[in-house]
Structures are given as C-alpha cells and as structure tokens.
C-alpha cells in the first residue's frame, strides 16, 4: 500500500481537508475560465481585428502546445521540487499571460501570450490531481480528484456568464483582464495557505518539523506523525520519467494516453469553436456564450454524478456509459441541427452532450491517478495530460477548416465519432477504479 493510503485510509474526511480541496479546485476553476476566455471572445475579436477563423487557428493551437509542455514539465517539477511550488508557479504564469492578452493587438501577439499561458495552464492539472489525492481519505479519493478537475467546465460556466455580460458592455479585452486579475489574487492565497504534499516531503527527506507543519495544515495534528510510513528518499525521488512505460504500466499508460488524446480533442473542439458556430447559425454573441456555458454546466453535473457513481460501481462501467450517451446526444444534435429546433431544446441537448464529454474527460484524471503509485503519480498524470494536448492542438488546427466547411452539423458528427474512439480505449484499460 502506498504512503498516503496508509496515512489517510482510516481517517474521517475533515473540514480542513475539504477546504484545501476547495482551494486547489479554485485554481482549476480559474484555469478553465482563463483557458476558455478566447473561445468566448473569438466572435468579437474576429470582428474587431477583421480576420477570418483561419488566422486564429494558430493562436488556439499555441495554447495547447504550451499546455502539452506545461503538463509534462509541471508533473516532473511537482514530483521533484514540490507540488505546492509547482502549482503556485503555474497559477502565476497563466494569470499574468491571460491578463496581458487583454492588451494584445495582433494574432502573433495573441499566439505568443496564449503559448505562455498554456505552460501554466497545463502544469496546474497534474499537481492539483496529486494534491487532491493526498488531501482525501482513500475511500473518497476518486471523487475528490473529479471534484477538482470538474472545475474546468465550471470555470467555463462562470466564464460564459461573465462573457455574456462583459463582452457586450466592455469588449473582449476586459474579459481577459478580469480573468487574469482574479487568477493572480488566488495565487497569493495559495502561496500563503496551501500545505506542501506530505508524500513529497517524505520522498525528499524533509525535516520532521516541516512534515508536522503540513500535517497540521491538513488538519491531521501532531499524532499523525506516529503513523507516518517509512519511505526511502533516494529510491522514490530517482524514478525516471520513462517509468510510466515500464512493462508493468506500459499497456495502461498507452491506453490512457489515447483516451486523453481523443477526449481532449472533443472537449477543446467545443471550447474553441462552439460559440463561433452557434453565432454563425444565427444566435447573438451572448446566446452563443450561453451555449458553451450549457455545454460546461452539463459537464459539471455529469462529472459529479459520475464521480459518486465511480465510488460505487467502478470507473469502467460508469465511463463507458457516459461515452455512449455522448455519442447518442451528439448524433441527435447533428440530425436535428438543420430542423430549426427551439433554443431551449438545443441548449438541453448541448448540455447532455457536453455533460458526458466533459464527464468522461474529468473522470480520466481519477482513473490516471488510480493507475500510478504515489511516487510517479504527478508525472504519470502529467504525461497523460500532455499527450491529450496533442488532441486539443489537432482540434484547434483542423477545427478552423472543419468549422468553415462542415458547420454546426459536422461539428456534432465529429464529436460522436471521437467519443466512439474513447469508448474503445477505455474498454481495454486494466487498472480501472474497482467497484466498492
């Protein structure tokens, strides 16, 4: 049994631990807000700059390329230098870059700032997943990871609500300044309040006083020191990045990489292009932002329900069910998109589609955290997230072409096809979270 499981398995889920989970979840919420801000602003920005969709595909892809590098390097930094340090640094980075996007004046400047923001956005995820795992008793661990990561679509909901008010009144620049300013304020709170990972401190040979300080912040008290596991620092800290491809982990690693690749392709196709496609289909800028907010709100509800269900039924059954539902909802939207359905009906179907697409993608973090032991968890999740960013990059580059050629109907058919591939990879993974 790994170190943090020994420490936490028999303990109650205390208020202190729940508050720490809420704190790291706020970082993910603002990650989702900052990351999706360009999708909300795209229709106004294209009109303001007088550029077509194809001129901004590179800027969208630049963010995903930055997130790829950030996810891989952020996981390594978290495992080697501390998860708190890695998380706070990443939040500062994407906060500053997002704020500066509000002053960008060309697609080239936008692309450069989006790349820098992407480095921080990507680095946050693996460290949040690792910290959420440690702040939570073993029986609630999958739900805790999902609660934290579900804040990505929740950030989209908050962003959609903010965009529907800010864009018509103050313009797209104000949206980025708002998102970046809130992010930097949270970074200061994280630096002051968040404890360092106890597993990291044990693996790195930290002093007893430093470990006790983190335990107190986690609400475990001085008595927890007597139950601390013995971990040999050199052995745990020396695991190479390639350890995730060792024979014991190789099959599940490759399959979870493919699952992340296709699920993030589906998610970011919506984040980047759904508001533009809805706007081109006749909706106002505010209604288009509300459409993406519905996609995200469905993700919040489905992911939380899925997280609770995974604790009882295991991840295989729950994630395959959500994948199949996403395929069906996307197919219905594709078929009915030309029939003039009501706005309420469209938003309801988009919420179901987005709920299951986001629900699967969010649950993948809990699945990846379950696959790897504590000493390699941050880099294992980080690598999987990084590979997934390749799918997000592909959605940004090909999406500009597909959005222009296929329109809203083609978009929903593409989502259905990609989620079929996700079903296939999920069905072959061996180390699913077991049913209780």
Protein backbone atom coordinates (compact mmCIF):
# COMPACT_ATOMS: atom_id res chain seq x y z
CA UNK A 1 0.00 0.00 0.00
CA UNK A 2 1.40 3.44 -0.86
CA UNK A 3 2.35 6.04 1.75
CA UNK A 4 -0.61 8.38 1.58
CA UNK A 5 -3.07 5.48 1.66
CA UNK A 6 -1.52 4.29 4.96
CA UNK A 7 -1.76 7.81 6.34
CA UNK A 8 -5.32 8.56 5.27
CA UNK A 9 -7.19 5.26 4.84
CA UNK A 10 -8.90 5.13 8.25
CA UNK A 11 -9.38 8.84 8.87
CA UNK A 12 -12.50 10.95 8.52
CA UNK A 13 -12.66 13.47 5.68
CA UNK A 14 -12.14 16.54 7.85
CA UNK A 15 -13.29 20.09 7.23
CA UNK A 16 -9.66 21.22 6.89
CA UNK A 17 -9.04 18.70 4.11
CA UNK A 18 -12.24 19.68 2.33
CA UNK A 19 -11.26 23.35 2.47
CA UNK A 20 -7.84 22.52 0.99
CA UNK A 21 -9.57 20.57 -1.76
CA UNK A 22 -11.78 23.60 -2.42
CA UNK A 23 -8.71 25.82 -2.61
CA UNK A 24 -6.89 23.75 -5.24
CA UNK A 25 -10.22 23.35 -7.06
CA UNK A 26 -10.46 27.14 -7.33
CA UNK A 27 -7.14 27.07 -9.19
CA UNK A 28 -8.68 24.66 -11.70
CA UNK A 29 -11.83 26.78 -11.97
CA UNK A 30 -9.78 29.82 -12.96
CA UNK A 31 -7.69 27.57 -15.22
CA UNK A 32 -10.93 26.69 -17.03
CA UNK A 33 -12.08 30.33 -17.13
CA UNK A 34 -8.76 31.60 -18.48
CA UNK A 35 -8.41 28.77 -20.97
CA UNK A 36 -11.89 29.21 -22.43
CA UNK A 37 -11.89 33.01 -22.45
CA UNK A 38 -10.61 33.08 -26.04
CA UNK A 39 -13.44 30.84 -27.20
CA UNK A 40 -15.96 33.28 -25.73
CA UNK A 41 -14.13 36.30 -27.14
CA UNK A 42 -13.46 34.86 -30.60
CA UNK A 43 -16.53 36.23 -32.44
CA UNK A 44 -15.95 39.75 -31.08
CA UNK A 45 -12.18 39.55 -31.60
CA UNK A 46 -12.52 38.44 -35.25
CA UNK A 47 -14.89 41.32 -35.90
CA UNK A 48 -12.64 43.82 -34.11
CA UNK A 49 -9.46 42.74 -35.93
CA UNK A 50 -11.17 41.96 -39.23
CA UNK A 51 -9.62 38.48 -39.52
CA UNK A 52 -11.11 35.09 -40.52
CA UNK A 53 -11.20 31.96 -38.35
CA UNK A 54 -8.17 30.52 -40.13
CA UNK A 55 -6.00 33.44 -38.92
CA UNK A 56 -6.60 32.49 -35.29
CA UNK A 57 -6.21 28.72 -35.52
CA UNK A 58 -2.50 29.11 -34.77
CA UNK A 59 -3.20 31.06 -31.58
CA UNK A 60 -5.59 28.36 -30.38
CA UNK A 61 -3.05 25.65 -31.16
CA UNK A 62 -0.26 27.63 -29.44
CA UNK A 63 -2.12 27.41 -26.14
CA UNK A 64 -2.45 23.64 -26.47
CA UNK A 65 1.23 23.27 -27.37
CA UNK A 66 2.08 25.26 -24.26
CA UNK A 67 -0.23 23.06 -22.19
CA UNK A 68 1.46 19.94 -23.57
CA UNK A 69 4.88 21.16 -22.43
CA UNK A 70 3.46 22.51 -19.18
CA UNK A 71 1.65 19.29 -18.26
CA UNK A 72 4.76 17.13 -18.74
CA UNK A 73 7.22 19.54 -17.13
CA UNK A 74 4.76 20.51 -14.38
CA UNK A 75 4.38 16.89 -13.33
CA UNK A 76 8.16 16.46 -13.20
CA UNK A 77 8.62 19.68 -11.21
CA UNK A 78 5.88 18.63 -8.82
CA UNK A 79 7.44 15.23 -8.15
CA UNK A 80 10.99 16.60 -7.81
CA UNK A 81 10.62 20.10 -6.30
CA UNK A 82 7.24 20.09 -4.58
CA UNK A 83 3.63 20.14 -5.71
CA UNK A 84 2.80 23.39 -3.92
CA UNK A 85 5.71 25.21 -5.59
CA UNK A 86 4.74 23.81 -8.99
CA UNK A 87 1.06 24.73 -8.58
CA UNK A 88 1.59 28.28 -7.31
CA UNK A 89 4.15 28.99 -10.05
CA UNK A 90 1.82 27.69 -12.74
CA UNK A 91 -1.11 29.81 -11.49
CA UNK A 92 1.05 32.95 -11.50
CA UNK A 93 2.24 32.19 -15.03
CA UNK A 94 -1.16 31.71 -16.64
CA UNK A 95 -2.62 34.61 -14.64
CA UNK A 96 -0.05 37.11 -15.91
CA UNK A 97 -0.23 35.88 -19.51
CA UNK A 98 -4.05 35.91 -19.56
CA UNK A 99 -4.15 39.44 -18.20
CA UNK A 100 -1.68 40.57 -20.89
CA UNK A 101 -3.87 39.10 -23.66
CA UNK A 102 -6.24 41.97 -22.92
CA UNK A 103 -3.59 44.29 -24.40
CA UNK A 104 -2.69 42.15 -27.46
CA UNK A 105 -3.01 43.86 -30.84
CA UNK A 106 -2.36 41.13 -33.40
CA UNK A 107 -2.75 37.35 -33.95
CA UNK A 108 1.04 36.94 -33.46
CA UNK A 109 0.97 38.63 -30.05
CA UNK A 110 -2.11 36.64 -29.12
CA UNK A 111 -0.41 33.37 -30.09
CA UNK A 112 2.72 34.15 -28.07
CA UNK A 113 0.75 35.04 -24.95
CA UNK A 114 -1.52 32.02 -25.33
CA UNK A 115 1.55 29.77 -25.51
CA UNK A 116 2.92 31.26 -22.27
CA UNK A 117 -0.48 30.94 -20.60
CA UNK A 118 -0.67 27.35 -21.80
CA UNK A 119 2.56 26.48 -19.98
CA UNK A 120 0.94 27.46 -16.69
CA UNK A 121 -2.48 26.05 -17.53
CA UNK A 122 -1.01 22.64 -18.34
CA UNK A 123 1.32 22.50 -15.33
CA UNK A 124 -1.54 23.06 -12.88
CA UNK A 125 -3.50 19.89 -13.66
CA UNK A 126 -1.13 17.09 -12.57
CA UNK A 127 -0.22 18.87 -9.35
CA UNK A 128 -3.85 19.57 -8.46
CA UNK A 129 -4.69 15.90 -9.08
CA UNK A 130 -1.76 14.77 -6.89
CA UNK A 131 -2.64 17.20 -4.06
CA UNK A 132 -6.35 16.37 -4.18
CA UNK A 133 -5.43 12.71 -3.83
CA UNK A 134 -3.34 13.40 -0.73
CA UNK A 135 -5.87 15.68 0.95
CA UNK A 136 -8.53 12.97 0.88
CA UNK A 137 -9.14 9.61 2.61
CA UNK A 138 -8.70 6.65 0.26
CA UNK A 139 -12.41 5.82 0.01
CA UNK A 140 -13.24 9.33 -1.30
CA UNK A 141 -10.13 9.80 -3.44
CA UNK A 142 -11.62 9.35 -6.94
CA UNK A 143 -14.48 11.70 -6.08
CA UNK A 144 -12.02 14.31 -4.77
CA UNK A 145 -9.95 14.29 -7.96
CA UNK A 146 -13.11 14.58 -10.05
CA UNK A 147 -14.41 17.45 -7.87
CA UNK A 148 -11.19 19.35 -8.51
CA UNK A 149 -10.95 18.68 -12.25
CA UNK A 150 -14.68 19.26 -12.84
CA UNK A 151 -13.91 22.89 -12.08
CA UNK A 152 -12.61 23.16 -15.67
CA UNK A 153 -16.15 23.09 -17.12
CA UNK A 154 -17.38 25.00 -14.07
CA UNK A 155 -14.84 27.67 -14.97
CA UNK A 156 -16.41 27.66 -18.40
CA UNK A 157 -19.83 28.22 -16.85
CA UNK A 158 -18.50 31.15 -14.83
CA UNK A 159 -16.70 32.43 -17.92
CA UNK A 160 -19.83 32.13 -20.04
CA UNK A 161 -21.86 34.09 -17.54
CA UNK A 162 -19.14 36.73 -17.28
CA UNK A 163 -18.69 36.88 -21.05
CA UNK A 164 -22.41 37.35 -21.69
CA UNK A 165 -22.26 40.49 -19.51
CA UNK A 166 -18.73 41.82 -20.13
CA UNK A 167 -18.46 41.35 -23.91
CA UNK A 168 -21.46 43.47 -24.93
CA UNK A 169 -20.68 46.22 -22.38
CA UNK A 170 -16.87 46.42 -22.15
CA UNK A 171 -15.42 44.38 -25.01
CA UNK A 172 -13.23 41.29 -25.22
CA UNK A 173 -10.17 42.98 -23.67
CA UNK A 174 -11.95 43.44 -20.33
CA UNK A 175 -12.76 39.71 -20.18
CA UNK A 176 -9.06 38.76 -20.20
CA UNK A 177 -8.11 41.44 -17.68
CA UNK A 178 -10.86 40.18 -15.35
CA UNK A 179 -9.78 36.54 -15.70
CA UNK A 180 -6.09 37.29 -15.21
CA UNK A 181 -6.63 39.58 -12.24
CA UNK A 182 -8.75 37.02 -10.37
CA UNK A 183 -6.14 34.33 -11.07
CA UNK A 184 -3.27 36.38 -9.61
CA UNK A 185 -5.30 37.08 -6.47
CA UNK A 186 -5.83 33.33 -5.99
CA UNK A 187 -2.10 32.65 -6.49
CA UNK A 188 -1.35 34.85 -3.47
CA UNK A 189 -3.85 32.91 -1.34
CA UNK A 190 -2.40 29.55 -2.44
CA UNK A 191 1.12 30.66 -1.56
CA UNK A 192 0.04 31.64 1.96
CA UNK A 193 -2.37 28.83 2.87
CA UNK A 194 -1.64 25.66 0.89
CA UNK A 195 0.49 22.96 2.63
CA UNK A 196 3.15 21.03 0.76
CA UNK A 197 2.49 17.41 -0.22
CA UNK A 198 3.36 15.10 2.70
CA UNK A 199 4.31 12.31 0.32
CA UNK A 200 6.71 14.65 -1.47
CA UNK A 201 8.24 15.72 1.87
CA UNK A 202 8.73 12.09 2.87
CA UNK A 203 10.23 11.17 -0.51
CA UNK A 204 12.60 14.15 -0.44
CA UNK A 205 13.80 13.53 3.12
CA UNK A 206 12.35 16.73 4.60
CA UNK A 207 12.73 17.55 8.29
CA UNK A 208 10.21 16.33 10.85
CA UNK A 209 9.25 19.93 11.63
CA UNK A 210 8.34 20.64 8.01
CA UNK A 211 6.30 17.44 7.76
CA UNK A 212 4.49 18.28 11.02
CA UNK A 213 3.63 21.74 9.66
CA UNK A 214 2.00 20.26 6.56
CA UNK A 215 0.11 17.70 8.66
CA UNK A 216 -1.28 20.47 10.87
CA UNK A 217 -2.47 22.41 7.83
CA UNK A 218 -4.18 19.24 6.62
CA UNK A 219 -5.99 19.01 9.97
CA UNK A 220 -4.25 15.76 11.00
CA UNK A 221 -2.49 17.05 14.12
CA UNK A 222 0.71 16.02 15.84
CA UNK A 223 -0.43 12.44 16.46
CA UNK A 224 -0.34 11.68 12.77
CA UNK A 225 3.47 11.60 12.87
CA UNK A 226 3.35 8.27 14.72
CA UNK A 227 1.57 6.65 11.77
CA UNK A 228 3.82 8.02 9.07
CA UNK A 229 5.11 5.40 6.61
CA UNK A 230 8.81 4.90 6.05
CA UNK A 231 9.88 5.86 2.53
CA UNK A 232 13.42 5.70 1.24
CA UNK A 233 14.03 9.15 -0.32
CA UNK A 234 16.61 8.16 -2.90
CA UNK A 235 14.53 5.34 -4.31
CA UNK A 236 11.33 7.36 -4.64
CA UNK A 237 12.94 10.55 -5.98
CA UNK A 238 15.07 8.81 -8.61
CA UNK A 239 12.28 7.31 -10.69
CA UNK A 240 12.78 8.47 -14.30
CA UNK A 241 10.09 9.97 -16.49
CA UNK A 242 10.12 6.77 -18.55
CA UNK A 243 8.97 4.74 -15.52
CA UNK A 244 5.38 5.05 -16.74
CA UNK A 245 6.39 2.92 -19.75
CA UNK A 246 7.90 0.12 -17.67
CA UNK A 247 6.41 -3.30 -18.56
CA UNK A 248 4.09 -3.25 -15.54
CA UNK A 249 2.47 0.03 -16.63
CA UNK A 250 3.01 0.17 -20.40
CA UNK A 251 -0.34 -1.12 -21.68
CA UNK A 252 -2.48 1.02 -19.39
CA UNK A 253 -0.21 4.02 -19.97
CA UNK A 254 -0.61 3.86 -23.75
CA UNK A 255 -4.36 3.33 -23.48
CA UNK A 256 -4.89 6.19 -21.02
CA UNK A 257 -2.78 8.40 -23.31
CA UNK A 258 -5.11 7.60 -26.21
CA UNK A 259 -8.16 8.19 -24.02
CA UNK A 260 -6.85 11.62 -23.04
CA UNK A 261 -5.95 12.40 -26.67
CA UNK A 262 -9.42 11.75 -28.07
CA UNK A 263 -11.40 13.11 -25.12
CA UNK A 264 -9.47 16.40 -25.09
CA UNK A 265 -9.91 16.63 -28.86
CA UNK A 266 -13.69 16.53 -28.30
CA UNK A 267 -13.66 18.93 -25.34
CA UNK A 268 -11.49 21.59 -26.98
CA UNK A 269 -13.34 21.40 -30.26
CA UNK A 270 -16.30 22.74 -28.29
CA UNK A 271 -14.28 25.19 -26.18
CA UNK A 272 -12.67 26.74 -29.26
CA UNK A 273 -15.37 26.64 -31.93
CA UNK A 274 -18.85 26.05 -30.49
CA UNK A 275 -19.58 29.74 -29.70
CA UNK A 276 -18.44 30.77 -33.20
CA UNK A 277 -20.53 28.07 -34.88
CA UNK A 278 -23.58 28.98 -32.80
CA UNK A 279 -23.08 32.65 -33.64
CA UNK A 280 -22.81 31.85 -37.36
CA UNK A 281 -26.01 29.79 -37.13
CA UNK A 282 -27.92 32.93 -36.15
CA UNK A 283 -27.54 33.30 -32.39
CA UNK A 284 -26.34 36.51 -30.75
CA UNK A 285 -22.88 36.74 -29.13
CA UNK A 286 -24.49 36.48 -25.68
CA UNK A 287 -26.58 33.42 -26.70
CA UNK A 288 -23.52 31.75 -28.23
CA UNK A 289 -21.63 32.22 -24.95
CA UNK A 290 -24.61 30.75 -23.11
CA UNK A 291 -24.47 27.72 -25.43
CA UNK A 292 -20.91 26.93 -24.38
CA UNK A 293 -21.91 27.60 -20.77
CA UNK A 294 -24.63 24.92 -21.18
CA UNK A 295 -22.01 22.51 -22.58
CA UNK A 296 -19.89 23.16 -19.50
CA UNK A 297 -22.72 23.11 -16.97
CA UNK A 298 -23.72 19.70 -18.22
CA UNK A 299 -20.11 18.67 -17.63
CA UNK A 300 -20.21 19.82 -14.02
CA UNK A 301 -23.37 17.85 -13.25
CA UNK A 302 -22.36 14.71 -15.13
CA UNK A 303 -18.83 14.65 -13.70
CA UNK A 304 -20.04 14.97 -10.11
CA UNK A 305 -22.66 12.28 -10.65
CA UNK A 306 -20.06 10.13 -12.37
CA UNK A 307 -17.59 10.63 -9.53
CA UNK A 308 -20.14 9.45 -6.99
CA UNK A 309 -21.09 6.50 -9.21
CA UNK A 310 -17.45 5.50 -9.74
CA UNK A 311 -17.05 5.10 -5.98
CA UNK A 312 -19.82 2.51 -6.03
CA UNK A 313 -19.76 0.89 -9.47
CA UNK A 314 -16.15 1.42 -10.56
CA UNK A 315 -14.81 3.57 -13.37
CA UNK A 316 -15.15 1.12 -16.28
CA UNK A 317 -18.93 0.82 -16.26
CA UNK A 318 -19.55 4.50 -15.47
CA UNK A 319 -17.14 5.94 -18.05
CA UNK A 320 -18.32 3.66 -20.85
CA UNK A 321 -21.94 4.61 -20.11
CA UNK A 322 -21.09 8.32 -20.27
CA UNK A 323 -19.17 7.82 -23.53
CA UNK A 324 -22.10 6.04 -25.16
CA UNK A 325 -24.52 8.76 -24.02
CA UNK A 326 -22.23 11.41 -25.51
CA UNK A 327 -22.25 9.60 -28.85
CA UNK A 328 -26.05 9.43 -28.89
CA UNK A 329 -26.56 13.07 -27.84
CA UNK A 330 -24.09 14.32 -30.45
CA UNK A 331 -25.78 12.25 -33.17
CA UNK A 332 -29.22 13.63 -32.25
CA UNK A 333 -27.87 17.19 -32.35
CA UNK A 334 -26.31 16.58 -35.75
CA UNK A 335 -29.57 15.22 -37.13
CA UNK A 336 -31.78 17.95 -35.63
CA UNK A 337 -29.46 20.93 -36.12
CA UNK A 338 -30.99 21.70 -39.51
CA UNK A 339 -34.59 21.25 -38.40
CA UNK A 340 -34.97 24.57 -36.56
CA UNK A 341 -35.29 23.18 -33.04
CA UNK A 342 -36.07 25.57 -30.19
CA UNK A 343 -33.25 27.34 -28.38
CA UNK A 344 -34.17 25.62 -25.10
CA UNK A 345 -34.17 22.20 -26.78
CA UNK A 346 -30.81 22.85 -28.41
CA UNK A 347 -29.23 24.01 -25.15
CA UNK A 348 -30.62 20.97 -23.31
CA UNK A 349 -29.09 18.57 -25.84
CA UNK A 350 -25.82 20.50 -25.82
CA UNK A 351 -25.81 20.20 -22.01
CA UNK A 352 -26.22 16.40 -22.27
CA UNK A 353 -23.54 16.17 -24.95
CA UNK A 354 -21.17 18.41 -23.00
CA UNK A 355 -22.05 16.69 -19.75
CA UNK A 356 -20.93 13.30 -20.95
CA UNK A 357 -17.92 14.51 -22.97
CA UNK A 358 -16.66 16.59 -20.03
CA UNK A 359 -17.67 13.89 -17.56
CA UNK A 360 -15.51 11.29 -19.28
CA UNK A 361 -12.57 13.68 -19.65
CA UNK A 362 -12.76 14.72 -15.99
CA UNK A 363 -13.01 11.13 -14.79
CA UNK A 364 -9.83 10.30 -16.69
CA UNK A 365 -7.82 12.21 -14.07
CA UNK A 366 -9.21 9.95 -11.33
CA UNK A 367 -8.51 6.91 -13.50
CA UNK A 368 -4.92 8.00 -14.20
CA UNK A 369 -4.36 8.77 -10.50
CA UNK A 370 -5.54 5.24 -9.71
CA UNK A 371 -3.20 3.66 -12.26
CA UNK A 372 0.07 5.08 -10.85
CA UNK A 373 1.62 4.85 -7.34
CA UNK A 374 2.32 8.00 -5.30
CA UNK A 375 5.98 8.43 -6.27
CA UNK A 376 5.17 8.70 -10.00
CA UNK A 377 1.59 9.95 -9.87
CA UNK A 378 2.15 13.61 -10.82
CA UNK A 379 4.37 12.75 -13.79
CA UNK A 380 2.05 9.89 -14.84
CA UNK A 381 -0.98 12.19 -14.87
CA UNK A 382 1.12 14.98 -16.37
CA UNK A 383 2.33 12.85 -19.27
CA UNK A 384 -1.19 11.62 -19.98
CA UNK A 385 -2.48 15.20 -19.93
CA UNK A 386 0.40 16.30 -22.17
CA UNK A 387 -0.37 13.63 -24.75
CA UNK A 388 -4.00 14.69 -24.57
CA UNK A 389 -2.95 18.22 -25.51
CA UNK A 390 -1.90 16.87 -28.90
CA UNK A 391 -5.56 16.04 -29.47
CA UNK A 392 -6.54 19.53 -28.32
CA UNK A 393 -3.96 21.05 -30.69
CA UNK A 394 -5.35 18.99 -33.54
CA UNK A 395 -8.85 20.22 -32.76
CA UNK A 396 -7.63 23.83 -32.92
CA UNK A 397 -5.84 23.43 -36.25
CA UNK A 398 -8.35 21.20 -38.03
CA UNK A 399 -11.30 22.86 -36.34
CA UNK A 400 -10.77 26.09 -38.27
CA UNK A 401 -11.08 24.15 -41.52
CA UNK A 402 -13.89 21.87 -40.37
CA UNK A 403 -15.89 24.72 -38.83
CA UNK A 404 -15.84 26.56 -42.12
CA UNK A 405 -16.53 23.53 -44.32
CA UNK A 406 -18.94 21.42 -42.25
CA UNK A 407 -20.66 23.88 -39.93
CA UNK A 408 -22.62 23.00 -36.81
CA UNK A 409 -23.91 19.66 -38.15
CA UNK A 410 -20.43 18.42 -39.00
CA UNK A 411 -19.16 19.53 -35.60
CA UNK A 412 -21.65 17.29 -33.77
CA UNK A 413 -20.93 14.30 -36.04
CA UNK A 414 -17.22 14.76 -35.34
CA UNK A 415 -17.88 14.73 -31.59
CA UNK A 416 -19.84 11.49 -31.96
CA UNK A 417 -17.05 9.83 -33.93
CA UNK A 418 -14.32 10.84 -31.50
CA UNK A 419 -16.28 9.58 -28.49
CA UNK A 420 -16.63 6.16 -30.16
CA UNK A 421 -12.82 6.01 -30.17
CA UNK A 422 -12.75 6.99 -26.48
CA UNK A 423 -15.09 4.09 -25.70
CA UNK A 424 -12.73 1.69 -27.42
CA UNK A 425 -9.64 2.75 -25.46
CA UNK A 426 -11.43 2.87 -22.10
CA UNK A 427 -12.76 -0.65 -22.52
CA UNK A 428 -9.19 -2.05 -22.76
CA UNK A 429 -7.64 -0.39 -19.68
CA UNK A 430 -6.94 -2.92 -16.92
CA UNK A 431 -6.43 -0.73 -13.83
CA UNK A 432 -9.86 0.86 -13.64
CA UNK A 433 -11.08 2.07 -10.26
CA UNK A 434 -12.67 -1.03 -8.77
CA UNK A 435 -16.33 -1.04 -7.71
CA UNK A 436 -16.92 -0.96 -3.98
